[in-house]
C-alpha atoms as a PDB file:
ATOM      1  CA  UNK A   1      67.324  91.952  25.189  1.00  0.00           C
ATOM      2  CA  UNK A   2      70.810  93.259  26.052  1.00  0.00           C
ATOM      3  CA  UNK A   3      74.033  91.400  26.010  1.00  0.00           C
ATOM      4  CA  UNK A   4      74.945  91.859  29.747  1.00  0.00           C
ATOM      5  CA  UNK A   5      73.194  93.082  32.817  1.00  0.00           C
ATOM      6  CA  UNK A   6      75.464  94.329  35.551  1.00  0.00           C
ATOM      7  CA  UNK A   7      73.830  94.118  38.971  1.00  0.00           C
ATOM      8  CA  UNK A   8      75.462  96.525  41.437  1.00  0.00           C
ATOM      9  CA  UNK A   9      76.965  99.876  40.996  1.00  0.00           C
ATOM     10  CA  UNK A  10      79.882  99.685  43.454  1.00  0.00           C
ATOM     11  CA  UNK A  11      83.555  99.770  42.299  1.00  0.00           C
ATOM     12  CA  UNK A  12      83.531  96.277  40.862  1.00  0.00           C
ATOM     13  CA  UNK A  13      80.201  96.808  39.004  1.00  0.00           C
ATOM     14  CA  UNK A  14      81.244 100.079  37.552  1.00  0.00           C
ATOM     15  CA  UNK A  15      84.507  98.563  36.437  1.00  0.00           C
ATOM     16  CA  UNK A  16      82.701  95.751  34.715  1.00  0.00           C
ATOM     17  CA  UNK A  17      80.490  98.235  32.977  1.00  0.00           C
ATOM     18  CA  UNK A  18      83.538 100.343  31.983  1.00  0.00           C
ATOM     19  CA  UNK A  19      85.113  97.267  30.371  1.00  0.00           C
ATOM     20  CA  UNK A  20      81.951  96.425  28.524  1.00  0.00           C
ATOM     21  CA  UNK A  21      81.782 100.000  27.302  1.00  0.00           C
ATOM     22  CA  UNK A  22      85.350  99.726  25.911  1.00  0.00           C
ATOM     23  CA  UNK A  23      84.605  96.518  24.281  1.00  0.00           C
ATOM     24  CA  UNK A  24      81.431  97.838  22.639  1.00  0.00           C
ATOM     25  CA  UNK A  25      79.163  95.288  24.401  1.00  0.00           C
ATOM     26  CA  UNK A  26      75.537  96.319  25.009  1.00  0.00           C
ATOM     27  CA  UNK A  27      74.803  96.415  28.781  1.00  0.00           C
ATOM     28  CA  UNK A  28      72.538  97.737  31.447  1.00  0.00           C
ATOM     29  CA  UNK A  29      73.604  98.690  34.949  1.00  0.00           C
ATOM     30  CA  UNK A  30      71.317  98.181  37.858  1.00  0.00           C
ATOM     31  CA  UNK A  31      71.899  99.703  41.395  1.00  0.00           C
ATOM     32  CA  UNK A  32      69.521  99.536  44.285  1.00  0.00           C
ATOM     33  CA  UNK A  33      70.690 102.731  45.961  1.00  0.00           C
ATOM     34  CA  UNK A  34      70.129 106.205  44.587  1.00  0.00           C
ATOM     35  CA  UNK A  35      73.856 106.710  44.005  1.00  0.00           C
ATOM     36  CA  UNK A  36      76.805 104.865  42.625  1.00  0.00           C
ATOM     37  CA  UNK A  37      79.907 103.783  44.419  1.00  0.00           C
ATOM     38  CA  UNK A  38      78.668 101.353  47.067  1.00  0.00           C
ATOM     39  CA  UNK A  39      80.619 101.931  50.414  1.00  0.00           C
ATOM     40  CA  UNK A  40      82.851 104.563  48.659  1.00  0.00           C
ATOM     41  CA  UNK A  41      81.306 107.812  49.517  1.00  0.00           C
ATOM     42  CA  UNK A  42      83.209 111.148  49.888  1.00  0.00           C
ATOM     43  CA  UNK A  43      81.822 114.272  51.485  1.00  0.00           C
ATOM     44  CA  UNK A  44      83.353 117.772  51.335  1.00  0.00           C
ATOM     45  CA  UNK A  45      82.344 120.044  54.141  1.00  0.00           C
ATOM     46  CA  UNK A  46      83.973 123.174  55.708  1.00  0.00           C
ATOM     47  CA  UNK A  47      87.266 122.452  54.025  1.00  0.00           C
ATOM     48  CA  UNK A  48      87.392 118.820  55.017  1.00  0.00           C
ATOM     49  CA  UNK A  49      87.475 115.919  52.638  1.00  0.00           C
ATOM     50  CA  UNK A  50      85.660 112.974  54.446  1.00  0.00           C
ATOM     51  CA  UNK A  51      85.708 109.458  53.030  1.00  0.00           C
ATOM     52  CA  UNK A  52      83.005 107.469  54.672  1.00  0.00           C
ATOM     53  CA  UNK A  53      84.566 104.180  53.613  1.00  0.00           C
ATOM     54  CA  UNK A  54      88.099 102.988  53.786  1.00  0.00           C
ATOM     55  CA  UNK A  55      90.426 105.528  52.321  1.00  0.00           C
ATOM     56  CA  UNK A  56      93.978 104.813  53.219  1.00  0.00           C
ATOM     57  CA  UNK A  57      94.963 102.292  50.459  1.00  0.00           C
ATOM     58  CA  UNK A  58      97.840  99.848  50.167  1.00  0.00           C
ATOM     59  CA  UNK A  59      99.515 100.343  46.775  1.00  0.00           C
ATOM     60  CA  UNK A  60     101.873  97.835  45.226  1.00  0.00           C
ATOM     61  CA  UNK A  61     103.198  98.533  41.804  1.00  0.00           C
ATOM     62  CA  UNK A  62     101.449 100.511  39.060  1.00  0.00           C
ATOM     63  CA  UNK A  63      97.666 101.006  38.835  1.00  0.00           C
ATOM     64  CA  UNK A  64      97.362 101.438  34.986  1.00  0.00           C
ATOM     65  CA  UNK A  65      93.608 102.176  35.280  1.00  0.00           C
ATOM     66  CA  UNK A  66      94.369 105.528  36.831  1.00  0.00           C
ATOM     67  CA  UNK A  67      96.018 106.918  33.669  1.00  0.00           C
ATOM     68  CA  UNK A  68      93.296 105.317  31.588  1.00  0.00           C
ATOM     69  CA  UNK A  69      90.786 107.353  33.584  1.00  0.00           C
ATOM     70  CA  UNK A  70      92.791 110.561  33.609  1.00  0.00           C
ATOM     71  CA  UNK A  71      93.606 110.171  37.342  1.00  0.00           C
ATOM     72  CA  UNK A  72      97.343 109.680  37.076  1.00  0.00           C
ATOM     73  CA  UNK A  73      97.900 112.554  39.505  1.00  0.00           C
ATOM     74  CA  UNK A  74      95.020 111.773  41.872  1.00  0.00           C
ATOM     75  CA  UNK A  75      96.933 109.953  44.605  1.00  0.00           C
ATOM     76  CA  UNK A  76      98.833 111.323  47.503  1.00  0.00           C
ATOM     77  CA  UNK A  77     101.461 109.078  49.209  1.00  0.00           C
ATOM     78  CA  UNK A  78     101.454 109.267  52.962  1.00  0.00           C
ATOM     79  CA  UNK A  79     103.932 106.576  53.942  1.00  0.00           C
ATOM     80  CA  UNK A  80     105.673 103.274  53.191  1.00  0.00           C
ATOM     81  CA  UNK A  81     104.057 100.003  54.072  1.00  0.00           C
ATOM     82  CA  UNK A  82     105.597  96.588  53.645  1.00  0.00           C
ATOM     83  CA  UNK A  83     107.059  96.556  50.045  1.00  0.00           C
ATOM     84  CA  UNK A  84     104.658  99.196  48.820  1.00  0.00           C
ATOM     85  CA  UNK A  85     103.207 102.472  49.970  1.00  0.00           C
ATOM     86  CA  UNK A  86     100.048 103.913  51.624  1.00  0.00           C
ATOM     87  CA  UNK A  87      98.153 106.363  49.427  1.00  0.00           C
ATOM     88  CA  UNK A  88      94.965 108.417  49.535  1.00  0.00           C
ATOM     89  CA  UNK A  89      92.945 110.000  46.735  1.00  0.00           C
ATOM     90  CA  UNK A  90      93.630 113.686  47.257  1.00  0.00           C
ATOM     91  CA  UNK A  91      90.078 114.677  46.542  1.00  0.00           C
ATOM     92  CA  UNK A  92      88.563 111.551  48.122  1.00  0.00           C
ATOM     93  CA  UNK A  93      88.023 108.051  46.773  1.00  0.00           C
ATOM     94  CA  UNK A  94      84.792 109.249  45.154  1.00  0.00           C
ATOM     95  CA  UNK A  95      87.004 110.713  42.414  1.00  0.00           C
ATOM     96  CA  UNK A  96      87.504 107.166  41.087  1.00  0.00           C
ATOM     97  CA  UNK A  97      83.798 106.435  41.160  1.00  0.00           C
ATOM     98  CA  UNK A  98      83.026 109.677  39.381  1.00  0.00           C
ATOM     99  CA  UNK A  99      85.637 109.054  36.690  1.00  0.00           C
ATOM    100  CA  UNK A 100      84.264 105.492  35.972  1.00  0.00           C
ATOM    101  CA  UNK A 101      80.621 106.769  35.907  1.00  0.00           C
ATOM    102  CA  UNK A 102      81.458 109.611  33.557  1.00  0.00           C
ATOM    103  CA  UNK A 103      82.590 107.075  30.959  1.00  0.00           C
ATOM    104  CA  UNK A 104      79.422 105.027  30.883  1.00  0.00           C
ATOM    105  CA  UNK A 105      76.907 105.789  28.256  1.00  0.00           C
ATOM    106  CA  UNK A 106      74.521 102.687  28.550  1.00  0.00           C
ATOM    107  CA  UNK A 107      71.312 102.682  30.544  1.00  0.00           C
ATOM    108  CA  UNK A 108      71.619 102.808  34.304  1.00  0.00           C
ATOM    109  CA  UNK A 109      68.661 101.963  36.596  1.00  0.00           C
ATOM    110  CA  UNK A 110      69.040 103.431  40.094  1.00  0.00           C
ATOM    111  CA  UNK A 111      66.808 102.713  43.057  1.00  0.00           C
ATOM    112  CA  UNK A 112      65.910  99.452  41.494  1.00  0.00           C
ATOM    113  CA  UNK A 113      66.247  96.080  43.268  1.00  0.00           C
ATOM    114  CA  UNK A 114      66.624  92.769  41.595  1.00  0.00           C
ATOM    115  CA  UNK A 115      64.173  90.201  43.023  1.00  0.00           C
ATOM    116  CA  UNK A 116      65.475  87.110  41.368  1.00  0.00           C
ATOM    117  CA  UNK A 117      67.407  85.722  38.389  1.00  0.00           C
ATOM    118  CA  UNK A 118      66.198  82.918  36.174  1.00  0.00           C
ATOM    119  CA  UNK A 119      67.095  80.950  33.073  1.00  0.00           C
ATOM    120  CA  UNK A 120      64.643  81.590  30.195  1.00  0.00           C
ATOM    121  CA  UNK A 121      66.260  79.189  27.746  1.00  0.00           C
ATOM    122  CA  UNK A 122      69.751  78.317  26.522  1.00  0.00           C
ATOM    123  CA  UNK A 123      71.710  81.524  26.248  1.00  0.00           C
ATOM    124  CA  UNK A 124      69.040  83.821  27.845  1.00  0.00           C
ATOM    125  CA  UNK A 125      68.620  84.867  31.458  1.00  0.00           C
ATOM    126  CA  UNK A 126      65.804  86.732  33.076  1.00  0.00           C
ATOM    127  CA  UNK A 127      66.196  89.484  35.564  1.00  0.00           C
ATOM    128  CA  UNK A 128      63.072  90.051  37.579  1.00  0.00           C
ATOM    129  CA  UNK A 129      62.993  93.667  39.137  1.00  0.00           C
ATOM    130  CA  UNK A 130      61.046  94.537  42.294  1.00  0.00           C
ATOM    131  CA  UNK A 131      58.530  96.532  40.229  1.00  0.00           C
ATOM    132  CA  UNK A 132      57.620  93.331  38.203  1.00  0.00           C
ATOM    133  CA  UNK A 133      59.586  94.240  35.103  1.00  0.00           C
ATOM    134  CA  UNK A 134      61.474  91.437  33.466  1.00  0.00           C
ATOM    135  CA  UNK A 135      64.695  92.088  31.663  1.00  0.00           C
ATOM    136  CA  UNK A 136      66.533  89.621  29.344  1.00  0.00           C
ATOM    137  CA  UNK A 137      70.315  89.226  28.984  1.00  0.00           C
ATOM    138  CA  UNK A 138      72.783  86.900  27.516  1.00  0.00           C
ATOM    139  CA  UNK A 139      75.088  87.301  30.448  1.00  0.00           C
ATOM    140  CA  UNK A 140      75.131  88.536  34.075  1.00  0.00           C
ATOM    141  CA  UNK A 141      77.686  90.292  36.192  1.00  0.00           C
ATOM    142  CA  UNK A 142      76.531  90.011  39.845  1.00  0.00           C
ATOM    143  CA  UNK A 143      78.475  92.726  41.712  1.00  0.00           C
ATOM    144  CA  UNK A 144      76.242  92.793  44.812  1.00  0.00           C
ATOM    145  CA  UNK A 145      77.189  92.015  48.394  1.00  0.00           C
ATOM    146  CA  UNK A 146      76.948  88.250  49.342  1.00  0.00           C
ATOM    147  CA  UNK A 147      73.809  88.671  51.462  1.00  0.00           C
ATOM    148  CA  UNK A 148      72.026  89.890  48.391  1.00  0.00           C
ATOM    149  CA  UNK A 149      73.693  87.742  45.812  1.00  0.00           C
ATOM    150  CA  UNK A 150      72.483  84.783  47.854  1.00  0.00           C
ATOM    151  CA  UNK A 151      68.811  85.636  47.269  1.00  0.00           C
ATOM    152  CA  UNK A 152      69.320  86.430  43.590  1.00  0.00           C
ATOM    153  CA  UNK A 153      71.126  83.202  42.755  1.00  0.00           C
ATOM    154  CA  UNK A 154      68.829  80.808  44.546  1.00  0.00           C
ATOM    155  CA  UNK A 155      66.932  79.830  41.278  1.00  0.00           C
ATOM    156  CA  UNK A 156      69.831  79.713  38.878  1.00  0.00           C
ATOM    157  CA  UNK A 157      72.397  78.319  41.175  1.00  0.00           C
ATOM    158  CA  UNK A 158      71.204  76.989  44.487  1.00  0.00           C
ATOM    159  CA  UNK A 159      74.569  75.445  45.346  1.00  0.00           C
ATOM    160  CA  UNK A 160      76.236  78.805  45.000  1.00  0.00           C
ATOM    161  CA  UNK A 161      73.520  80.526  46.906  1.00  0.00           C
ATOM    162  CA  UNK A 162      73.888  78.080  49.854  1.00  0.00           C
ATOM    163  CA  UNK A 163      77.658  78.689  50.111  1.00  0.00           C
ATOM    164  CA  UNK A 164      76.809  82.513  50.409  1.00  0.00           C
ATOM    165  CA  UNK A 165      73.953  82.120  52.856  1.00  0.00           C
ATOM    166  CA  UNK A 166      76.024  82.454  55.992  1.00  0.00           C
ATOM    167  CA  UNK A 167      78.258  85.309  54.964  1.00  0.00           C
ATOM    168  CA  UNK A 168      79.117  87.636  57.814  1.00  0.00           C
ATOM    169  CA  UNK A 169      80.168  91.295  58.171  1.00  0.00           C
ATOM    170  CA  UNK A 170      81.574  93.403  60.939  1.00  0.00           C
ATOM    171  CA  UNK A 171      78.875  96.068  61.813  1.00  0.00           C
ATOM    172  CA  UNK A 172      81.062  99.078  61.951  1.00  0.00           C
ATOM    173  CA  UNK A 173      79.906 102.722  62.029  1.00  0.00           C
ATOM    174  CA  UNK A 174      82.617 105.248  60.765  1.00  0.00           C
ATOM    175  CA  UNK A 175      82.462 108.328  62.831  1.00  0.00           C
ATOM    176  CA  UNK A 176      84.288 111.586  61.865  1.00  0.00           C
ATOM    177  CA  UNK A 177      84.869 114.490  64.261  1.00  0.00           C
ATOM    178  CA  UNK A 178      86.673 117.726  63.262  1.00  0.00           C
ATOM    179  CA  UNK A 179      88.596 119.756  65.831  1.00  0.00           C
ATOM    180  CA  UNK A 180      91.103 122.548  66.024  1.00  0.00           C
ATOM    181  CA  UNK A 181      94.509 121.048  66.526  1.00  0.00           C
ATOM    182  CA  UNK A 182      95.116 122.902  69.786  1.00  0.00           C
ATOM    183  CA  UNK A 183      91.943 121.388  71.323  1.00  0.00           C
ATOM    184  CA  UNK A 184      92.934 117.669  71.175  1.00  0.00           C
ATOM    185  CA  UNK A 185      95.902 115.665  72.125  1.00  0.00           C
ATOM    186  CA  UNK A 186      97.807 113.617  69.622  1.00  0.00           C
ATOM    187  CA  UNK A 187      97.011 110.600  71.955  1.00  0.00           C
ATOM    188  CA  UNK A 188      93.374 110.056  71.352  1.00  0.00           C
ATOM    189  CA  UNK A 189      91.299 109.206  74.480  1.00  0.00           C
ATOM    190  CA  UNK A 190      89.702 106.217  72.921  1.00  0.00           C
ATOM    191  CA  UNK A 191      90.569 102.573  73.930  1.00  0.00           C
ATOM    192  CA  UNK A 192      90.573 100.467  70.705  1.00  0.00           C
ATOM    193  CA  UNK A 193      89.263  96.914  70.949  1.00  0.00           C
ATOM    194  CA  UNK A 194      85.754  95.928  71.909  1.00  0.00           C
ATOM    195  CA  UNK A 195      83.319  98.786  71.048  1.00  0.00           C
ATOM    196  CA  UNK A 196      85.923 100.791  69.175  1.00  0.00           C
ATOM    197  CA  UNK A 197      87.492  98.923  66.306  1.00  0.00           C
ATOM    198  CA  UNK A 198      89.979 101.720  65.499  1.00  0.00           C
ATOM    199  CA  UNK A 199      90.696 105.330  66.349  1.00  0.00           C
ATOM    200  CA  UNK A 200      92.903 107.527  64.131  1.00  0.00           C
ATOM    201  CA  UNK A 201      93.500 111.273  63.606  1.00  0.00           C
ATOM    202  CA  UNK A 202      94.624 113.023  60.361  1.00  0.00           C
ATOM    203  CA  UNK A 203      95.988 116.302  59.362  1.00  0.00           C
ATOM    204  CA  UNK A 204      96.553 115.707  55.657  1.00  0.00           C
ATOM    205  CA  UNK A 205      97.097 118.932  53.630  1.00  0.00           C
ATOM    206  CA  UNK A 206      94.285 119.457  51.088  1.00  0.00           C
ATOM    207  CA  UNK A 207      91.897 117.200  53.053  1.00  0.00           C
ATOM    208  CA  UNK A 208      92.102 118.889  56.429  1.00  0.00           C
ATOM    209  CA  UNK A 209      92.350 122.676  56.870  1.00  0.00           C
ATOM    210  CA  UNK A 210      95.616 124.011  58.455  1.00  0.00           C
ATOM    211  CA  UNK A 211      95.780 123.765  62.259  1.00  0.00           C
ATOM    212  CA  UNK A 212      92.887 121.276  62.351  1.00  0.00           C
ATOM    213  CA  UNK A 213      92.678 117.567  62.707  1.00  0.00           C
ATOM    214  CA  UNK A 214      90.013 115.003  61.663  1.00  0.00           C
ATOM    215  CA  UNK A 215      89.415 112.113  64.082  1.00  0.00           C
ATOM    216  CA  UNK A 216      88.057 108.943  62.621  1.00  0.00           C
ATOM    217  CA  UNK A 217      86.663 106.118  64.791  1.00  0.00           C
ATOM    218  CA  UNK A 218      85.146 102.781  63.874  1.00  0.00           C
ATOM    219  CA  UNK A 219      82.374 101.841  66.364  1.00  0.00           C
ATOM    220  CA  UNK A 220      80.988  98.226  66.383  1.00  0.00           C
ATOM    221  CA  UNK A 221      77.210  97.898  66.744  1.00  0.00           C
ATOM    222  CA  UNK A 222      77.206  94.362  68.192  1.00  0.00           C
ATOM    223  CA  UNK A 223      79.227  95.004  71.358  1.00  0.00           C
ATOM    224  CA  UNK A 224      77.136  97.323  73.605  1.00  0.00           C
ATOM    225  CA  UNK A 225      73.310  97.197  73.606  1.00  0.00           C
ATOM    226  CA  UNK A 226      73.237 100.935  74.244  1.00  0.00           C
ATOM    227  CA  UNK A 227      75.168 101.553  70.924  1.00  0.00           C
ATOM    228  CA  UNK A 228      72.985 100.086  68.280  1.00  0.00           C
ATOM    229  CA  UNK A 229      72.504 102.881  65.727  1.00  0.00           C
ATOM    230  CA  UNK A 230      74.735 105.337  63.947  1.00  0.00           C
ATOM    231  CA  UNK A 231      73.522 108.140  66.025  1.00  0.00           C
ATOM    232  CA  UNK A 232      74.353 106.316  69.249  1.00  0.00           C
ATOM    233  CA  UNK A 233      77.807 105.477  67.890  1.00  0.00           C
ATOM    234  CA  UNK A 234      78.304 109.186  67.264  1.00  0.00           C
ATOM    235  CA  UNK A 235      77.276 109.974  70.694  1.00  0.00           C
ATOM    236  CA  UNK A 236      79.627 107.331  72.202  1.00  0.00           C
ATOM    237  CA  UNK A 237      82.557 108.915  70.392  1.00  0.00           C
ATOM    238  CA  UNK A 238      81.666 112.506  71.235  1.00  0.00           C
ATOM    239  CA  UNK A 239      81.494 111.529  74.878  1.00  0.00           C
ATOM    240  CA  UNK A 240      85.255 110.603  74.783  1.00  0.00           C
ATOM    241  CA  UNK A 241      86.203 114.340  74.172  1.00  0.00           C
ATOM    242  CA  UNK A 242      85.918 117.264  76.497  1.00  0.00           C
ATOM    243  CA  UNK A 243      85.409 119.875  73.667  1.00  0.00           C
ATOM    244  CA  UNK A 244      82.598 119.965  71.043  1.00  0.00           C
ATOM    245  CA  UNK A 245      83.653 119.000  67.563  1.00  0.00           C
ATOM    246  CA  UNK A 246      83.486 121.524  64.697  1.00  0.00           C
ATOM    247  CA  UNK A 247      81.928 118.896  62.529  1.00  0.00           C
ATOM    248  CA  UNK A 248      80.539 115.490  63.315  1.00  0.00           C
ATOM    249  CA  UNK A 249      79.415 112.731  60.995  1.00  0.00           C
ATOM    250  CA  UNK A 250      78.419 109.024  61.419  1.00  0.00           C
ATOM    251  CA  UNK A 251      78.031 106.663  58.419  1.00  0.00           C
ATOM    252  CA  UNK A 252      77.058 103.062  58.394  1.00  0.00           C
ATOM    253  CA  UNK A 253      77.246 100.782  55.410  1.00  0.00           C
ATOM    254  CA  UNK A 254      76.252  97.243  56.474  1.00  0.00           C
ATOM    255  CA  UNK A 255      78.449  95.447  53.837  1.00  0.00           C
ATOM    256  CA  UNK A 256      81.600  97.663  54.216  1.00  0.00           C
ATOM    257  CA  UNK A 257      83.525  95.311  56.370  1.00  0.00           C
ATOM    258  CA  UNK A 258      83.413  91.626  55.182  1.00  0.00           C
ATOM    259  CA  UNK A 259      84.462  89.000  57.731  1.00  0.00           C
ATOM    260  CA  UNK A 260      83.807  85.767  55.880  1.00  0.00           C
ATOM    261  CA  UNK A 261      86.449  86.475  53.142  1.00  0.00           C
ATOM    262  CA  UNK A 262      89.237  86.211  55.774  1.00  0.00           C
ATOM    263  CA  UNK A 263      88.283  82.651  56.730  1.00  0.00           C
ATOM    264  CA  UNK A 264      90.718  79.982  55.748  1.00  0.00           C
ATOM    265  CA  UNK A 265      88.034  78.063  53.865  1.00  0.00           C
ATOM    266  CA  UNK A 266      86.879  81.077  51.827  1.00  0.00           C
ATOM    267  CA  UNK A 267      89.183  80.387  48.817  1.00  0.00           C
ATOM    268  CA  UNK A 268      87.856  76.865  48.455  1.00  0.00           C
ATOM    269  CA  UNK A 269      84.251  78.117  48.803  1.00  0.00           C
ATOM    270  CA  UNK A 270      84.762  80.664  46.154  1.00  0.00           C
ATOM    271  CA  UNK A 271      86.195  77.982  43.839  1.00  0.00           C
ATOM    272  CA  UNK A 272      83.019  75.842  44.505  1.00  0.00           C
ATOM    273  CA  UNK A 273      80.800  78.953  43.911  1.00  0.00           C
ATOM    274  CA  UNK A 274      82.408  79.798  40.566  1.00  0.00           C
ATOM    275  CA  UNK A 275      82.122  76.099  39.516  1.00  0.00           C
ATOM    276  CA  UNK A 276      78.498  76.068  40.452  1.00  0.00           C
ATOM    277  CA  UNK A 277      77.486  79.297  38.495  1.00  0.00           C
ATOM    278  CA  UNK A 278      75.858  78.786  35.070  1.00  0.00           C
ATOM    279  CA  UNK A 279      77.625  79.855  31.853  1.00  0.00           C
ATOM    280  CA  UNK A 280      78.056  83.556  31.300  1.00  0.00           C
ATOM    281  CA  UNK A 281      77.368  84.497  34.935  1.00  0.00           C
ATOM    282  CA  UNK A 282      80.084  86.122  36.936  1.00  0.00           C
ATOM    283  CA  UNK A 283      80.171  86.982  40.748  1.00  0.00           C
ATOM    284  CA  UNK A 284      82.587  89.842  41.482  1.00  0.00           C
ATOM    285  CA  UNK A 285      83.321  92.275  44.317  1.00  0.00           C
ATOM    286  CA  UNK A 286      84.958  92.874  47.619  1.00  0.00           C
ATOM    287  CA  UNK A 287      83.036  90.078  49.321  1.00  0.00           C
ATOM    288  CA  UNK A 288      84.589  87.463  47.035  1.00  0.00           C
ATOM    289  CA  UNK A 289      88.154  87.448  45.559  1.00  0.00           C
ATOM    290  CA  UNK A 290      88.869  91.144  45.364  1.00  0.00           C
ATOM    291  CA  UNK A 291      90.220  92.417  48.780  1.00  0.00           C
ATOM    292  CA  UNK A 292      91.983  95.608  47.721  1.00  0.00           C
ATOM    293  CA  UNK A 293      90.837  98.464  45.493  1.00  0.00           C
ATOM    294  CA  UNK A 294      92.928  97.583  42.422  1.00  0.00           C
ATOM    295  CA  UNK A 295      91.679  94.010  42.704  1.00  0.00           C
ATOM    296  CA  UNK A 296      88.069  95.229  42.548  1.00  0.00           C
ATOM    297  CA  UNK A 297      88.814  97.199  39.430  1.00  0.00           C
ATOM    298  CA  UNK A 298      90.721  94.461  37.711  1.00  0.00           C
ATOM    299  CA  UNK A 299      88.122  91.767  38.662  1.00  0.00           C
ATOM    300  CA  UNK A 300      85.369  93.890  37.240  1.00  0.00           C
END
């Protein structure tokens, strides 16, 4: 039996594991995907740095965890915003994920789904994996999206699971197209609203080669029946341009864009969920109370 099992290897789960590592608490990290990071995924291709998740971040005040991870010079400011600034990770947001993962020494189980959670007896929880293996732990950090946490929690906390059961997401495919700057106008030919959630272009030094531009478009999958897959979303964006892109990518992470967390009743629901969870069980992540990147790290 281990002290804590962390379920979910996204930013909040990795941050929880990092804190346990620093405290000297025995833990095991479980992630259903073959990679860590959740919706944070950086690709480097042909001189472009492409973040397939959100990558322009609002920064207010200091982020002390950057220095603790050796990333004090990892951010590039790109503008002011409200009483803070907008920043990007110069080498992609995956830089943060890689730094966290490099500091973990405990067992990590990738490509492994949790079927259910149960109470064995006072002070012991059972974690049933999809392959039938049963793990035991004294505490649980559930850092999984709400739609999965709902199923996991049904046995140990049916009230919390019920409050998560109708959680909703915005089904957005993030499409990236790379062009020579001379081939595209600064005014993108893409009407936002409806099918296209956003349309942006970037020419950030270090992330985009000189005299090139990276176009980034969010395409919703629940607006047009003819656009129901990432491939169709990519085709819909390419059709807006008269020239062929030098590079084209489409990536869909179903839980990347939570909607429920913006409802006025969400805060009260989270308080009820936290109150319904058994002792030594925590629910953390961007679906819940952590809206911004530093909140995810701090909550973990």
